[in-house]
Amino acid sequence: MLINCGPHGERVATVVCQHLLDAAKLSPAGFVENSSDPADLQAWCHACEEKFLAEGEMTEAFKEFNGMTIVCIECFAGIKSWHTIPAEQ
């Protein structure tokens, strides 16, 4: 699926949690990729990972907490670069 990103134009769509967008100017929130399919890039922060593990699956409470947001692949790469904590690499 393609999306039209203001800064990057038409690009492949990816999904991130709202926290990775909200915290863009704060300290890194952690970056957990949750799809092994390179054509289906998805990620969320450490807080979302903890909520997911506590819920045991993608419950409605998890989805509300996560606030999944579609971003382009270029934005995804920048978000990943900012939020990846060195020990995660």
C-alpha atoms as a PDB file:
ATOM      1  CA  MET A   1       0.000   0.000   0.000  1.00  0.00           C
ATOM      2  CA  LEU A   2       1.258   3.484  -0.837  1.00  0.00           C
ATOM      3  CA  ILE A   3       0.534   6.747   0.982  1.00  0.00           C
ATOM      4  CA  ASN A   4       1.235  10.336   0.073  1.00  0.00           C
ATOM      5  CA  CYS A   5       3.571  11.812   2.673  1.00  0.00           C
ATOM      6  CA  GLY A   6       3.919  15.606   2.659  1.00  0.00           C
ATOM      7  CA  PRO A   7       7.717  15.691   3.040  1.00  0.00           C
ATOM      8  CA  HIS A   8       8.493  12.495   1.076  1.00  0.00           C
ATOM      9  CA  GLY A   9       5.784  12.164  -1.592  1.00  0.00           C
ATOM     10  CA  GLU A  10       4.249   8.817  -2.514  1.00  0.00           C
ATOM     11  CA  ARG A  11       5.901   6.054  -0.488  1.00  0.00           C
ATOM     12  CA  VAL A  12       5.240   2.621   0.975  1.00  0.00           C
ATOM     13  CA  ALA A  13       2.976   2.773   4.047  1.00  0.00           C
ATOM     14  CA  THR A  14       4.119   1.502   7.457  1.00  0.00           C
ATOM     15  CA  VAL A  15       2.547   1.530  10.929  1.00  0.00           C
ATOM     16  CA  VAL A  16       3.867   2.917  14.233  1.00  0.00           C
ATOM     17  CA  CYS A  17       2.296   3.576  17.609  1.00  0.00           C
ATOM     18  CA  GLN A  18       1.214   7.097  18.555  1.00  0.00           C
ATOM     19  CA  HIS A  19       3.925   7.265  21.222  1.00  0.00           C
ATOM     20  CA  LEU A  20       6.698   7.100  18.641  1.00  0.00           C
ATOM     21  CA  LEU A  21       5.180  10.207  17.062  1.00  0.00           C
ATOM     22  CA  ASP A  22       4.272  11.997  20.308  1.00  0.00           C
ATOM     23  CA  ALA A  23       7.738  11.485  21.762  1.00  0.00           C
ATOM     24  CA  ALA A  24       9.629  12.549  18.623  1.00  0.00           C
ATOM     25  CA  LYS A  25      11.265  15.505  20.353  1.00  0.00           C
ATOM     26  CA  LEU A  26      11.750  13.800  23.729  1.00  0.00           C
ATOM     27  CA  SER A  27      14.076  10.999  24.729  1.00  0.00           C
ATOM     28  CA  PRO A  28      13.926   7.701  22.788  1.00  0.00           C
ATOM     29  CA  ALA A  29      10.892   5.565  23.699  1.00  0.00           C
ATOM     30  CA  GLY A  30      12.372   2.292  22.447  1.00  0.00           C
ATOM     31  CA  PHE A  31      11.568   0.687  19.106  1.00  0.00           C
ATOM     32  CA  VAL A  32      10.052  -2.785  18.837  1.00  0.00           C
ATOM     33  CA  GLU A  33       9.458  -4.092  15.328  1.00  0.00           C
ATOM     34  CA  ASN A  34       6.539  -6.488  15.439  1.00  0.00           C
ATOM     35  CA  SER A  35       6.423  -7.921  11.941  1.00  0.00           C
ATOM     36  CA  SER A  36       8.999 -10.219  10.395  1.00  0.00           C
ATOM     37  CA  ASP A  37       7.673  -9.426   6.915  1.00  0.00           C
ATOM     38  CA  PRO A  38       9.869  -6.723   5.303  1.00  0.00           C
ATOM     39  CA  ALA A  39       6.893  -5.699   3.150  1.00  0.00           C
ATOM     40  CA  ASP A  40       4.759  -5.084   6.267  1.00  0.00           C
ATOM     41  CA  LEU A  41       6.771  -2.787   8.536  1.00  0.00           C
ATOM     42  CA  GLN A  42       5.174  -2.225  11.951  1.00  0.00           C
ATOM     43  CA  ALA A  43       6.648  -0.986  15.211  1.00  0.00           C
ATOM     44  CA  TRP A  44       5.717   0.272  18.645  1.00  0.00           C
ATOM     45  CA  CYS A  45       7.487   1.645  21.703  1.00  0.00           C
ATOM     46  CA  HIS A  46       8.524  -0.149  24.899  1.00  0.00           C
ATOM     47  CA  ALA A  47       5.364   1.013  26.719  1.00  0.00           C
ATOM     48  CA  CYS A  48       3.227  -0.572  23.983  1.00  0.00           C
ATOM     49  CA  GLU A  49       5.271  -3.774  24.185  1.00  0.00           C
ATOM     50  CA  GLU A  50       4.618  -3.934  27.938  1.00  0.00           C
ATOM     51  CA  LYS A  51       0.884  -3.311  27.404  1.00  0.00           C
ATOM     52  CA  PHE A  52       0.768  -5.972  24.663  1.00  0.00           C
ATOM     53  CA  LEU A  53       2.480  -8.538  26.900  1.00  0.00           C
ATOM     54  CA  ALA A  54       0.143  -7.692  29.788  1.00  0.00           C
ATOM     55  CA  GLU A  55      -2.948  -8.010  27.576  1.00  0.00           C
ATOM     56  CA  GLY A  56      -1.671 -11.159  25.841  1.00  0.00           C
ATOM     57  CA  GLU A  57      -2.996 -10.076  22.450  1.00  0.00           C
ATOM     58  CA  MET A  58      -4.220  -7.052  20.494  1.00  0.00           C
ATOM     59  CA  THR A  59      -7.222  -6.297  22.687  1.00  0.00           C
ATOM     60  CA  GLU A  60      -9.349  -3.173  22.297  1.00  0.00           C
ATOM     61  CA  ALA A  61      -7.573  -1.706  25.348  1.00  0.00           C
ATOM     62  CA  PHE A  62      -4.223  -2.332  23.673  1.00  0.00           C
ATOM     63  CA  LYS A  63      -5.359  -0.820  20.365  1.00  0.00           C
ATOM     64  CA  GLU A  64      -6.626   2.296  22.144  1.00  0.00           C
ATOM     65  CA  PHE A  65      -3.358   2.618  24.090  1.00  0.00           C
ATOM     66  CA  ASN A  66      -1.271   2.013  20.951  1.00  0.00           C
ATOM     67  CA  GLY A  67      -3.068   4.457  18.638  1.00  0.00           C
ATOM     68  CA  MET A  68      -1.696   2.875  15.454  1.00  0.00           C
ATOM     69  CA  THR A  69      -0.696   5.519  12.910  1.00  0.00           C
ATOM     70  CA  ILE A  70       0.260   5.111   9.260  1.00  0.00           C
ATOM     71  CA  VAL A  71       3.520   6.777   8.207  1.00  0.00           C
ATOM     72  CA  CYS A  72       5.646   6.465   5.082  1.00  0.00           C
ATOM     73  CA  ILE A  73       8.698   4.231   4.934  1.00  0.00           C
ATOM     74  CA  GLU A  74      11.035   7.260   5.031  1.00  0.00           C
ATOM     75  CA  CYS A  75       9.362   8.562   8.205  1.00  0.00           C
ATOM     76  CA  PHE A  76       9.519   5.015   9.653  1.00  0.00           C
ATOM     77  CA  ALA A  77      13.289   4.926   9.095  1.00  0.00           C
ATOM     78  CA  GLY A  78      13.741   8.287  10.842  1.00  0.00           C
ATOM     79  CA  ILE A  79      11.522   7.244  13.750  1.00  0.00           C
ATOM     80  CA  LYS A  80      13.446   3.975  14.071  1.00  0.00           C
ATOM     81  CA  SER A  81      16.760   5.813  14.068  1.00  0.00           C
ATOM     82  CA  TRP A  82      15.631   8.208  16.815  1.00  0.00           C
ATOM     83  CA  HIS A  83      13.842   5.725  19.083  1.00  0.00           C
ATOM     84  CA  THR A  84      16.175   2.714  18.876  1.00  0.00           C
ATOM     85  CA  ILE A  85      18.047   2.478  22.155  1.00  0.00           C
ATOM     86  CA  PRO A  86      21.672   1.312  21.582  1.00  0.00           C
ATOM     87  CA  ALA A  87      21.245  -1.911  23.597  1.00  0.00           C
ATOM     88  CA  GLU A  88      18.457  -2.922  21.157  1.00  0.00           C
ATOM     89  CA  GLN A  89      20.784  -3.158  18.174  1.00  0.00           C
END
